[in-house]
Amino acid sequence: MADPLARLVGELSRLPGIGPKTATRLAHWILKGSDEDARELAAAIVEVKEKLFHCSRCNAITAVDPCRICADPQRDRAQLCVVEEPFNIQPVERTGEYHGLYHVLMGALSPQRGIGPDELAIDPLLQRLDGVEEVILACNPNVEGEATALYLARLLKPRGVHVTRLAFGMPVGGDIEYTDEVTLGRALAGRREL
């Protein structure tokens, strides 16, 4: 019979960003907690798996279909913000600056990992363009995100929509001395008049 603590450590270490040391700390924290706390944690995990799914329109994680953003009549349906993963929606929402709809690609192009256009939700994106005037590409500022944004821009521009990309540059409170060359170069390229 397997050691229950070793099994828990093994399961926790399968989570992204959780190594064996962190998994061991979490397992001991769970072990020290009350039985009720452990049951609540287990119930929350089961509930997420049973009650949440992807919105049929945008791929956001939701408990209702369509999701609350897609169903909101106050959202600007002429704007569509394209993100890589469902968890990318919340940071954009927290800004309070964007009031359009979203589309989640469910990843980014990555030939090294075998992720091509067919593995992403690109066809559903193309089918959602009726009435859309601007598509904002909010892909991550890395090699995969850049490749995905360029690929999407080539597909979208001939369809008559205005394609924009999130600006990248120096963070507020940043120091030029400690800013890497790529970030500083993007800040220079994306500069605007005052």
N, C-alpha and C. Protein backbone atom coordinates (compact mmCIF):
# COMPACT_ATOMS: atom_id res chain seq x y z
N MET A 1 0.85 -1.19 0.00
CA MET A 1 0.00 0.00 0.00
C MET A 1 0.89 1.25 0.00
N ALA A 2 0.58 2.21 -0.87
CA ALA A 2 1.38 3.43 -1.00
C ALA A 2 1.19 4.34 0.21
N ASP A 3 2.23 5.03 0.58
CA ASP A 3 2.20 5.99 1.67
C ASP A 3 1.32 7.17 1.24
N PRO A 4 0.24 7.47 2.00
CA PRO A 4 -0.66 8.56 1.62
C PRO A 4 0.03 9.92 1.50
N LEU A 5 0.99 10.19 2.37
CA LEU A 5 1.69 11.47 2.31
C LEU A 5 2.54 11.54 1.05
N ALA A 6 3.23 10.46 0.73
CA ALA A 6 4.04 10.44 -0.50
C ALA A 6 3.14 10.58 -1.72
N ARG A 7 1.97 9.97 -1.69
CA ARG A 7 1.03 10.10 -2.81
C ARG A 7 0.58 11.55 -2.96
N LEU A 8 0.25 12.21 -1.84
CA LEU A 8 -0.17 13.61 -1.90
C LEU A 8 0.95 14.49 -2.43
N VAL A 9 2.16 14.28 -1.95
CA VAL A 9 3.31 15.05 -2.44
C VAL A 9 3.47 14.84 -3.95
N GLY A 10 3.35 13.59 -4.38
CA GLY A 10 3.46 13.28 -5.81
C GLY A 10 2.40 13.97 -6.64
N GLU A 11 1.16 13.98 -6.16
CA GLU A 11 0.08 14.63 -6.89
C GLU A 11 0.26 16.15 -6.92
N LEU A 12 0.65 16.73 -5.79
CA LEU A 12 0.86 18.18 -5.74
C LEU A 12 2.02 18.61 -6.63
N SER A 13 3.05 17.79 -6.71
CA SER A 13 4.22 18.17 -7.52
C SER A 13 3.93 18.09 -9.01
N ARG A 14 2.80 17.51 -9.40
CA ARG A 14 2.40 17.50 -10.80
C ARG A 14 1.83 18.84 -11.24
N LEU A 15 1.48 19.69 -10.27
CA LEU A 15 0.93 21.01 -10.60
C LEU A 15 2.03 21.89 -11.18
N PRO A 16 1.67 22.77 -12.14
CA PRO A 16 2.70 23.64 -12.73
C PRO A 16 3.31 24.58 -11.69
N GLY A 17 4.62 24.68 -11.72
CA GLY A 17 5.33 25.58 -10.82
C GLY A 17 5.53 25.03 -9.42
N ILE A 18 5.09 23.80 -9.17
CA ILE A 18 5.23 23.19 -7.85
C ILE A 18 6.26 22.08 -7.94
N GLY A 19 7.40 22.31 -7.31
CA GLY A 19 8.45 21.30 -7.26
C GLY A 19 8.27 20.42 -6.04
N PRO A 20 9.15 19.44 -5.87
CA PRO A 20 9.03 18.51 -4.73
C PRO A 20 9.07 19.20 -3.37
N LYS A 21 9.91 20.23 -3.21
CA LYS A 21 9.98 20.91 -1.91
C LYS A 21 8.68 21.64 -1.58
N THR A 22 8.17 22.37 -2.55
CA THR A 22 6.91 23.09 -2.32
C THR A 22 5.77 22.10 -2.11
N ALA A 23 5.75 21.03 -2.89
CA ALA A 23 4.71 20.01 -2.73
C ALA A 23 4.76 19.40 -1.34
N THR A 24 5.96 19.17 -0.83
CA THR A 24 6.11 18.62 0.52
C THR A 24 5.60 19.61 1.56
N ARG A 25 5.94 20.89 1.39
CA ARG A 25 5.44 21.91 2.33
C ARG A 25 3.92 21.98 2.31
N LEU A 26 3.34 21.97 1.10
CA LEU A 26 1.87 22.02 0.99
C LEU A 26 1.23 20.79 1.62
N ALA A 27 1.81 19.62 1.37
CA ALA A 27 1.26 18.39 1.94
C ALA A 27 1.29 18.43 3.47
N HIS A 28 2.39 18.93 4.04
CA HIS A 28 2.47 19.04 5.50
C HIS A 28 1.49 20.08 6.03
N TRP A 29 1.29 21.16 5.29
CA TRP A 29 0.30 22.17 5.69
C TRP A 29 -1.10 21.55 5.71
N ILE A 30 -1.41 20.77 4.67
CA ILE A 30 -2.72 20.10 4.62
C ILE A 30 -2.86 19.12 5.77
N LEU A 31 -1.79 18.37 6.05
CA LEU A 31 -1.80 17.39 7.13
C LEU A 31 -2.01 18.05 8.49
N LYS A 32 -1.40 19.22 8.70
CA LYS A 32 -1.53 19.92 9.98
C LYS A 32 -2.91 20.56 10.14
N GLY A 33 -3.56 20.86 9.03
CA GLY A 33 -4.87 21.52 9.09
C GLY A 33 -5.95 20.60 9.61
N SER A 34 -7.11 21.17 9.81
CA SER A 34 -8.24 20.39 10.32
C SER A 34 -8.79 19.47 9.23
N ASP A 35 -9.51 18.46 9.65
CA ASP A 35 -10.18 17.57 8.70
C ASP A 35 -11.15 18.36 7.83
N GLU A 36 -11.82 19.32 8.45
CA GLU A 36 -12.79 20.14 7.71
C GLU A 36 -12.09 20.96 6.62
N ASP A 37 -10.93 21.53 6.93
CA ASP A 37 -10.17 22.28 5.92
C ASP A 37 -9.78 21.39 4.75
N ALA A 38 -9.35 20.17 5.05
CA ALA A 38 -8.98 19.22 3.98
C ALA A 38 -10.19 18.86 3.13
N ARG A 39 -11.33 18.63 3.77
CA ARG A 39 -12.57 18.31 3.02
C ARG A 39 -13.00 19.48 2.15
N GLU A 40 -12.87 20.71 2.68
CA GLU A 40 -13.25 21.90 1.91
C GLU A 40 -12.34 22.06 0.68
N LEU A 41 -11.04 21.85 0.87
CA LEU A 41 -10.11 21.92 -0.25
C LEU A 41 -10.45 20.87 -1.30
N ALA A 42 -10.67 19.64 -0.86
CA ALA A 42 -11.02 18.56 -1.79
C ALA A 42 -12.34 18.86 -2.50
N ALA A 43 -13.31 19.37 -1.77
CA ALA A 43 -14.62 19.69 -2.37
C ALA A 43 -14.48 20.82 -3.39
N ALA A 44 -13.63 21.81 -3.10
CA ALA A 44 -13.44 22.91 -4.04
C ALA A 44 -12.81 22.41 -5.34
N ILE A 45 -11.87 21.49 -5.23
CA ILE A 45 -11.24 20.92 -6.43
C ILE A 45 -12.27 20.14 -7.25
N VAL A 46 -13.07 19.32 -6.59
CA VAL A 46 -14.09 18.53 -7.29
C VAL A 46 -15.13 19.46 -7.92
N GLU A 47 -15.55 20.51 -7.19
CA GLU A 47 -16.55 21.44 -7.71
C GLU A 47 -16.07 22.15 -8.97
N VAL A 48 -14.81 22.56 -8.98
CA VAL A 48 -14.25 23.21 -10.16
C VAL A 48 -14.32 22.28 -11.36
N LYS A 49 -13.97 21.02 -11.15
CA LYS A 49 -13.98 20.06 -12.25
C LYS A 49 -15.40 19.74 -12.72
N GLU A 50 -16.35 19.74 -11.81
CA GLU A 50 -17.74 19.37 -12.16
C GLU A 50 -18.55 20.52 -12.72
N LYS A 51 -18.28 21.75 -12.29
CA LYS A 51 -19.18 22.86 -12.61
C LYS A 51 -18.64 23.88 -13.60
N LEU A 52 -17.34 23.88 -13.84
CA LEU A 52 -16.78 24.87 -14.75
C LEU A 52 -16.43 24.24 -16.10
N PHE A 53 -16.58 25.06 -17.14
CA PHE A 53 -16.30 24.61 -18.50
C PHE A 53 -15.95 25.84 -19.32
N HIS A 54 -15.67 25.64 -20.60
CA HIS A 54 -15.31 26.76 -21.48
C HIS A 54 -16.55 27.31 -22.16
N CYS A 55 -16.65 28.64 -22.20
CA CYS A 55 -17.74 29.32 -22.88
C CYS A 55 -17.75 28.91 -24.35
N SER A 56 -18.92 28.64 -24.87
CA SER A 56 -19.03 28.19 -26.26
C SER A 56 -18.70 29.30 -27.26
N ARG A 57 -18.70 30.54 -26.81
CA ARG A 57 -18.40 31.66 -27.71
C ARG A 57 -16.93 32.08 -27.65
N CYS A 58 -16.41 32.26 -26.44
CA CYS A 58 -15.07 32.86 -26.31
C CYS A 58 -14.01 31.96 -25.69
N ASN A 59 -14.40 30.83 -25.13
CA ASN A 59 -13.50 29.87 -24.45
C ASN A 59 -13.09 30.29 -23.04
N ALA A 60 -13.70 31.35 -22.49
CA ALA A 60 -13.41 31.71 -21.10
C ALA A 60 -13.92 30.59 -20.19
N ILE A 61 -13.37 30.50 -19.00
CA ILE A 61 -13.86 29.52 -18.02
C ILE A 61 -15.10 30.11 -17.36
N THR A 62 -16.15 29.31 -17.30
CA THR A 62 -17.44 29.81 -16.82
C THR A 62 -18.27 28.69 -16.21
N ALA A 63 -19.31 29.08 -15.48
CA ALA A 63 -20.28 28.12 -14.95
C ALA A 63 -21.60 28.25 -15.69
N VAL A 64 -21.72 29.27 -16.56
CA VAL A 64 -22.92 29.47 -17.38
C VAL A 64 -22.49 29.70 -18.82
N ASP A 65 -23.37 29.32 -19.75
CA ASP A 65 -23.03 29.47 -21.17
C ASP A 65 -24.13 30.27 -21.86
N PRO A 66 -23.81 31.38 -22.49
CA PRO A 66 -22.49 31.99 -22.61
C PRO A 66 -22.04 32.60 -21.29
N CYS A 67 -20.74 32.90 -21.22
CA CYS A 67 -20.17 33.48 -19.99
C CYS A 67 -20.77 34.86 -19.73
N ARG A 68 -20.52 35.39 -18.56
CA ARG A 68 -21.11 36.69 -18.19
C ARG A 68 -20.63 37.82 -19.09
N ILE A 69 -19.40 37.75 -19.60
CA ILE A 69 -18.90 38.81 -20.48
C ILE A 69 -19.60 38.73 -21.83
N CYS A 70 -19.68 37.55 -22.42
CA CYS A 70 -20.35 37.40 -23.72
C CYS A 70 -21.84 37.75 -23.63
N ALA A 71 -22.46 37.47 -22.49
CA ALA A 71 -23.89 37.72 -22.32
C ALA A 71 -24.20 39.17 -21.96
N ASP A 72 -23.22 39.96 -21.58
CA ASP A 72 -23.43 41.33 -21.12
C ASP A 72 -23.75 42.25 -22.31
N PRO A 73 -24.97 42.79 -22.37
CA PRO A 73 -25.33 43.66 -23.50
C PRO A 73 -24.60 45.00 -23.49
N GLN A 74 -23.98 45.36 -22.38
CA GLN A 74 -23.25 46.62 -22.28
C GLN A 74 -21.85 46.56 -22.89
N ARG A 75 -21.36 45.34 -23.20
CA ARG A 75 -20.01 45.21 -23.76
C ARG A 75 -20.00 45.69 -25.20
N ASP A 76 -18.87 46.26 -25.60
CA ASP A 76 -18.68 46.77 -26.95
C ASP A 76 -18.39 45.60 -27.89
N ARG A 77 -19.36 45.26 -28.74
CA ARG A 77 -19.23 44.11 -29.62
C ARG A 77 -18.40 44.41 -30.87
N ALA A 78 -17.96 45.65 -31.01
CA ALA A 78 -17.10 46.01 -32.14
C ALA A 78 -15.63 45.76 -31.82
N GLN A 79 -15.32 45.46 -30.55
CA GLN A 79 -13.94 45.18 -30.13
C GLN A 79 -13.83 43.75 -29.64
N LEU A 80 -12.76 43.10 -30.06
CA LEU A 80 -12.50 41.73 -29.66
C LEU A 80 -11.03 41.63 -29.23
N CYS A 81 -10.81 41.29 -27.97
CA CYS A 81 -9.46 41.15 -27.43
C CYS A 81 -9.10 39.67 -27.44
N VAL A 82 -8.04 39.34 -28.16
CA VAL A 82 -7.61 37.95 -28.29
C VAL A 82 -6.49 37.68 -27.30
N VAL A 83 -6.70 36.66 -26.44
CA VAL A 83 -5.71 36.27 -25.45
C VAL A 83 -5.36 34.80 -25.65
N GLU A 84 -4.24 34.39 -25.06
CA GLU A 84 -3.79 33.01 -25.23
C GLU A 84 -4.54 32.03 -24.35
N GLU A 85 -4.76 32.36 -23.10
CA GLU A 85 -5.35 31.43 -22.13
C GLU A 85 -6.49 32.11 -21.38
N PRO A 86 -7.45 31.32 -20.84
CA PRO A 86 -8.57 31.92 -20.10
C PRO A 86 -8.14 32.81 -18.94
N PHE A 87 -7.05 32.46 -18.25
CA PHE A 87 -6.62 33.27 -17.11
C PHE A 87 -6.01 34.61 -17.53
N ASN A 88 -5.84 34.84 -18.83
CA ASN A 88 -5.35 36.14 -19.31
C ASN A 88 -6.45 37.20 -19.33
N ILE A 89 -7.69 36.80 -19.21
CA ILE A 89 -8.81 37.75 -19.25
C ILE A 89 -8.83 38.64 -18.01
N GLN A 90 -8.66 38.07 -16.83
CA GLN A 90 -8.79 38.83 -15.59
C GLN A 90 -7.83 40.01 -15.47
N PRO A 91 -6.55 39.88 -15.84
CA PRO A 91 -5.69 41.07 -15.76
C PRO A 91 -6.17 42.21 -16.65
N VAL A 92 -6.70 41.90 -17.83
CA VAL A 92 -7.22 42.94 -18.71
C VAL A 92 -8.47 43.56 -18.08
N GLU A 93 -9.34 42.74 -17.54
CA GLU A 93 -10.56 43.23 -16.89
C GLU A 93 -10.24 44.14 -15.71
N ARG A 94 -9.22 43.78 -14.94
CA ARG A 94 -8.87 44.58 -13.76
C ARG A 94 -8.43 45.99 -14.10
N THR A 95 -7.98 46.22 -15.33
CA THR A 95 -7.57 47.58 -15.69
C THR A 95 -8.76 48.53 -15.72
N GLY A 96 -9.94 48.01 -16.00
CA GLY A 96 -11.12 48.86 -16.14
C GLY A 96 -11.12 49.67 -17.42
N GLU A 97 -10.15 49.43 -18.30
CA GLU A 97 -9.98 50.22 -19.53
C GLU A 97 -10.61 49.55 -20.76
N TYR A 98 -10.90 48.27 -20.68
CA TYR A 98 -11.41 47.54 -21.84
C TYR A 98 -12.84 47.09 -21.58
N HIS A 99 -13.72 47.34 -22.57
CA HIS A 99 -15.14 47.02 -22.38
C HIS A 99 -15.71 46.21 -23.54
N GLY A 100 -14.82 45.57 -24.30
CA GLY A 100 -15.26 44.76 -25.42
C GLY A 100 -15.39 43.29 -25.04
N LEU A 101 -15.39 42.44 -26.05
CA LEU A 101 -15.49 41.00 -25.86
C LEU A 101 -14.10 40.37 -25.95
N TYR A 102 -14.02 39.08 -25.65
CA TYR A 102 -12.75 38.35 -25.66
C TYR A 102 -12.85 37.13 -26.57
N HIS A 103 -11.68 36.65 -26.95
CA HIS A 103 -11.57 35.35 -27.60
C HIS A 103 -10.30 34.70 -27.09
N VAL A 104 -10.42 33.49 -26.55
CA VAL A 104 -9.29 32.75 -25.99
C VAL A 104 -8.82 31.73 -27.02
N LEU A 105 -7.55 31.80 -27.38
CA LEU A 105 -6.98 30.89 -28.37
C LEU A 105 -6.71 29.50 -27.83
N MET A 106 -6.58 29.37 -26.53
CA MET A 106 -6.24 28.11 -25.86
C MET A 106 -4.80 27.71 -26.15
N GLY A 107 -3.91 28.71 -26.19
CA GLY A 107 -2.49 28.45 -26.38
C GLY A 107 -1.88 29.45 -27.34
N ALA A 108 -0.66 29.14 -27.75
CA ALA A 108 0.08 29.97 -28.69
C ALA A 108 0.84 29.05 -29.64
N LEU A 109 1.14 29.56 -30.81
CA LEU A 109 1.90 28.77 -31.78
C LEU A 109 3.26 28.41 -31.19
N SER A 110 3.63 27.15 -31.31
CA SER A 110 4.92 26.69 -30.80
C SER A 110 5.34 25.44 -31.57
N PRO A 111 6.05 25.63 -32.68
CA PRO A 111 6.46 24.47 -33.46
C PRO A 111 7.28 23.46 -32.65
N GLN A 112 8.10 23.94 -31.69
CA GLN A 112 8.91 23.03 -30.88
C GLN A 112 8.05 22.07 -30.05
N ARG A 113 6.87 22.54 -29.63
CA ARG A 113 5.97 21.70 -28.84
C ARG A 113 4.86 21.09 -29.70
N GLY A 114 4.97 21.26 -31.00
CA GLY A 114 3.98 20.67 -31.90
C GLY A 114 2.64 21.38 -31.90
N ILE A 115 2.62 22.66 -31.54
CA ILE A 115 1.37 23.42 -31.52
C ILE A 115 1.33 24.31 -32.75
N GLY A 116 0.50 23.94 -33.69
CA GLY A 116 0.31 24.71 -34.91
C GLY A 116 -1.05 25.38 -34.90
N PRO A 117 -1.42 26.05 -35.99
CA PRO A 117 -2.70 26.75 -36.07
C PRO A 117 -3.91 25.85 -35.83
N ASP A 118 -3.82 24.60 -36.22
CA ASP A 118 -4.97 23.69 -36.06
C ASP A 118 -5.23 23.33 -34.60
N GLU A 119 -4.23 23.49 -33.73
CA GLU A 119 -4.41 23.18 -32.31
C GLU A 119 -4.98 24.36 -31.53
N LEU A 120 -5.09 25.51 -32.16
CA LEU A 120 -5.61 26.71 -31.49
C LEU A 120 -7.02 27.02 -31.98
N ALA A 121 -7.73 27.83 -31.22
CA ALA A 121 -9.10 28.22 -31.57
C ALA A 121 -9.08 29.41 -32.53
N ILE A 122 -8.46 29.20 -33.70
CA ILE A 122 -8.35 30.26 -34.70
C ILE A 122 -9.58 30.29 -35.60
N ASP A 123 -10.06 29.13 -36.06
CA ASP A 123 -11.26 29.10 -36.90
C ASP A 123 -12.47 29.73 -36.19
N PRO A 124 -12.72 29.39 -34.91
CA PRO A 124 -13.83 30.07 -34.22
C PRO A 124 -13.64 31.59 -34.14
N LEU A 125 -12.39 32.04 -34.03
CA LEU A 125 -12.11 33.48 -34.03
C LEU A 125 -12.54 34.09 -35.36
N LEU A 126 -12.16 33.47 -36.44
CA LEU A 126 -12.50 33.99 -37.77
C LEU A 126 -14.01 34.01 -38.00
N GLN A 127 -14.72 33.10 -37.36
CA GLN A 127 -16.18 33.05 -37.50
C GLN A 127 -16.88 34.10 -36.65
N ARG A 128 -16.17 34.76 -35.75
CA ARG A 128 -16.77 35.75 -34.86
C ARG A 128 -16.58 37.18 -35.33
N LEU A 129 -16.08 37.40 -36.52
CA LEU A 129 -15.70 38.75 -36.95
C LEU A 129 -16.86 39.62 -37.45
N ASP A 130 -18.04 39.06 -37.61
CA ASP A 130 -19.17 39.84 -38.08
C ASP A 130 -19.48 40.97 -37.10
N GLY A 131 -19.37 42.21 -37.53
CA GLY A 131 -19.62 43.37 -36.68
C GLY A 131 -18.41 43.83 -35.88
N VAL A 132 -17.32 43.08 -35.94
CA VAL A 132 -16.11 43.46 -35.21
C VAL A 132 -15.30 44.44 -36.05
N GLU A 133 -14.95 45.57 -35.46
CA GLU A 133 -14.15 46.59 -36.14
C GLU A 133 -12.68 46.53 -35.77
N GLU A 134 -12.39 46.13 -34.51
CA GLU A 134 -11.01 46.08 -34.04
C GLU A 134 -10.75 44.77 -33.31
N VAL A 135 -9.64 44.13 -33.65
CA VAL A 135 -9.17 42.96 -32.92
C VAL A 135 -7.87 43.37 -32.24
N ILE A 136 -7.86 43.26 -30.92
CA ILE A 136 -6.68 43.59 -30.13
C ILE A 136 -5.95 42.29 -29.81
N LEU A 137 -4.74 42.15 -30.29
CA LEU A 137 -3.96 40.95 -30.03
C LEU A 137 -3.19 41.14 -28.73
N ALA A 138 -3.63 40.42 -27.69
CA ALA A 138 -3.03 40.53 -26.37
C ALA A 138 -2.25 39.25 -26.06
N CYS A 139 -1.42 38.83 -27.00
CA CYS A 139 -0.57 37.65 -26.81
C CYS A 139 0.62 38.02 -25.94
N ASN A 140 1.20 37.03 -25.31
CA ASN A 140 2.34 37.27 -24.43
C ASN A 140 3.55 37.78 -25.22
N PRO A 141 4.37 38.63 -24.59
CA PRO A 141 5.55 39.17 -25.28
C PRO A 141 6.73 38.22 -25.25
N ASN A 142 6.54 37.04 -25.82
CA ASN A 142 7.62 36.07 -25.94
C ASN A 142 7.63 35.55 -27.38
N VAL A 143 8.51 34.64 -27.69
CA VAL A 143 8.65 34.17 -29.07
C VAL A 143 7.34 33.58 -29.58
N GLU A 144 6.70 32.72 -28.78
CA GLU A 144 5.45 32.09 -29.20
C GLU A 144 4.35 33.13 -29.38
N GLY A 145 4.25 34.07 -28.44
CA GLY A 145 3.22 35.10 -28.52
C GLY A 145 3.41 36.00 -29.73
N GLU A 146 4.66 36.35 -30.01
CA GLU A 146 4.95 37.19 -31.18
C GLU A 146 4.59 36.45 -32.46
N ALA A 147 4.96 35.18 -32.55
CA ALA A 147 4.64 34.39 -33.74
C ALA A 147 3.13 34.27 -33.92
N THR A 148 2.43 34.07 -32.83
CA THR A 148 0.96 33.95 -32.88
C THR A 148 0.34 35.26 -33.33
N ALA A 149 0.80 36.38 -32.77
CA ALA A 149 0.26 37.69 -33.14
C ALA A 149 0.50 37.99 -34.62
N LEU A 150 1.70 37.71 -35.11
CA LEU A 150 2.01 37.95 -36.53
C LEU A 150 1.15 37.08 -37.43
N TYR A 151 0.99 35.82 -37.07
CA TYR A 151 0.17 34.89 -37.85
C TYR A 151 -1.29 35.39 -37.91
N LEU A 152 -1.82 35.78 -36.75
CA LEU A 152 -3.21 36.26 -36.69
C LEU A 152 -3.38 37.56 -37.47
N ALA A 153 -2.41 38.45 -37.37
CA ALA A 153 -2.50 39.72 -38.09
C ALA A 153 -2.58 39.48 -39.60
N ARG A 154 -1.79 38.53 -40.10
CA ARG A 154 -1.84 38.20 -41.53
C ARG A 154 -3.19 37.62 -41.94
N LEU A 155 -3.84 36.90 -41.05
CA LEU A 155 -5.16 36.34 -41.34
C LEU A 155 -6.27 37.39 -41.25
N LEU A 156 -6.14 38.28 -40.28
CA LEU A 156 -7.23 39.21 -39.96
C LEU A 156 -7.26 40.45 -40.84
N LYS A 157 -6.12 41.02 -41.18
CA LYS A 157 -6.09 42.27 -41.94
C LYS A 157 -6.84 42.18 -43.27
N PRO A 158 -6.69 41.12 -44.05
CA PRO A 158 -7.45 41.04 -45.31
C PRO A 158 -8.97 40.96 -45.11
N ARG A 159 -9.41 40.70 -43.89
CA ARG A 159 -10.85 40.59 -43.61
C ARG A 159 -11.47 41.93 -43.23
N GLY A 160 -10.68 42.99 -43.31
CA GLY A 160 -11.22 44.33 -43.11
C GLY A 160 -11.34 44.78 -41.68
N VAL A 161 -10.73 44.09 -40.74
CA VAL A 161 -10.77 44.55 -39.35
C VAL A 161 -9.47 45.26 -39.02
N HIS A 162 -9.56 46.23 -38.14
CA HIS A 162 -8.38 46.95 -37.65
C HIS A 162 -7.70 46.05 -36.63
N VAL A 163 -6.44 45.71 -36.84
CA VAL A 163 -5.71 44.81 -35.95
C VAL A 163 -4.69 45.63 -35.17
N THR A 164 -4.77 45.53 -33.83
CA THR A 164 -3.82 46.23 -32.98
C THR A 164 -3.16 45.24 -32.04
N ARG A 165 -2.06 45.67 -31.44
CA ARG A 165 -1.29 44.83 -30.53
C ARG A 165 -1.08 45.63 -29.26
N LEU A 166 -1.10 44.96 -28.13
CA LEU A 166 -0.81 45.65 -26.88
C LEU A 166 0.57 46.31 -26.96
N ALA A 167 0.67 47.49 -26.42
CA ALA A 167 1.97 48.17 -26.37
C ALA A 167 2.80 47.53 -25.27
N PHE A 168 4.09 47.46 -25.49
CA PHE A 168 5.00 46.92 -24.49
C PHE A 168 6.08 47.93 -24.23
N GLY A 169 6.56 47.98 -23.04
CA GLY A 169 7.63 48.91 -22.72
C GLY A 169 7.98 48.87 -21.26
N MET A 170 8.44 49.98 -20.77
CA MET A 170 8.91 50.05 -19.39
C MET A 170 7.74 50.09 -18.41
N PRO A 171 7.88 49.38 -17.30
CA PRO A 171 6.82 49.43 -16.29
C PRO A 171 6.86 50.75 -15.54
N VAL A 172 5.71 51.15 -15.02
CA VAL A 172 5.64 52.35 -14.20
C VAL A 172 6.52 52.13 -12.97
N GLY A 173 7.35 53.09 -12.66
CA GLY A 173 8.26 52.97 -11.53
C GLY A 173 9.55 52.27 -11.90
N GLY A 174 9.69 51.87 -13.18
CA GLY A 174 10.91 51.19 -13.61
C GLY A 174 12.07 52.14 -13.74
N ASP A 175 13.24 51.60 -13.84
CA ASP A 175 14.47 52.37 -13.95
C ASP A 175 15.17 51.98 -15.25
N ILE A 176 15.45 52.97 -16.10
CA ILE A 176 16.08 52.70 -17.39
C ILE A 176 17.36 51.89 -17.23
N GLU A 177 18.10 52.16 -16.20
CA GLU A 177 19.37 51.48 -15.98
C GLU A 177 19.21 49.96 -15.88
N TYR A 178 18.07 49.51 -15.34
CA TYR A 178 17.86 48.08 -15.12
C TYR A 178 16.92 47.45 -16.15
N THR A 179 16.55 48.20 -17.17
CA THR A 179 15.63 47.69 -18.18
C THR A 179 16.41 46.98 -19.27
N ASP A 180 15.94 45.78 -19.65
CA ASP A 180 16.65 45.03 -20.70
C ASP A 180 16.46 45.71 -22.05
N GLU A 181 17.32 45.36 -23.01
CA GLU A 181 17.36 46.03 -24.31
C GLU A 181 16.07 45.83 -25.11
N VAL A 182 15.49 44.63 -25.03
CA VAL A 182 14.27 44.35 -25.79
C VAL A 182 13.12 45.22 -25.28
N THR A 183 12.96 45.28 -23.97
CA THR A 183 11.89 46.09 -23.37
C THR A 183 12.10 47.56 -23.68
N LEU A 184 13.32 48.04 -23.54
CA LEU A 184 13.62 49.44 -23.82
C LEU A 184 13.41 49.75 -25.30
N GLY A 185 13.79 48.82 -26.18
CA GLY A 185 13.56 49.01 -27.62
C GLY A 185 12.09 49.11 -27.94
N ARG A 186 11.28 48.27 -27.30
CA ARG A 186 9.83 48.35 -27.52
C ARG A 186 9.24 49.63 -26.97
N ALA A 187 9.77 50.08 -25.87
CA ALA A 187 9.29 51.35 -25.30
C ALA A 187 9.60 52.50 -26.26
N LEU A 188 10.76 52.47 -26.87
CA LEU A 188 11.11 53.51 -27.85
C LEU A 188 10.23 53.41 -29.09
N ALA A 189 10.02 52.20 -29.58
CA ALA A 189 9.21 52.02 -30.79
C ALA A 189 7.75 52.40 -30.54
N GLY A 190 7.26 52.20 -29.32
CA GLY A 190 5.85 52.47 -29.01
C GLY A 190 5.64 53.83 -28.38
N ARG A 191 6.61 54.71 -28.46
CA ARG A 191 6.50 56.02 -27.84
C ARG A 191 5.35 56.81 -28.47
N ARG A 192 4.79 57.76 -27.70
CA ARG A 192 3.73 58.59 -28.23
C ARG A 192 3.92 60.03 -27.80
N GLU A 193 3.30 60.90 -28.55
CA GLU A 193 3.47 62.32 -28.30
C GLU A 193 2.74 62.73 -27.02
N LEU A 194 3.34 63.68 -26.29
CA LEU A 194 2.72 64.20 -25.06
C LEU A 194 1.99 65.49 -25.35
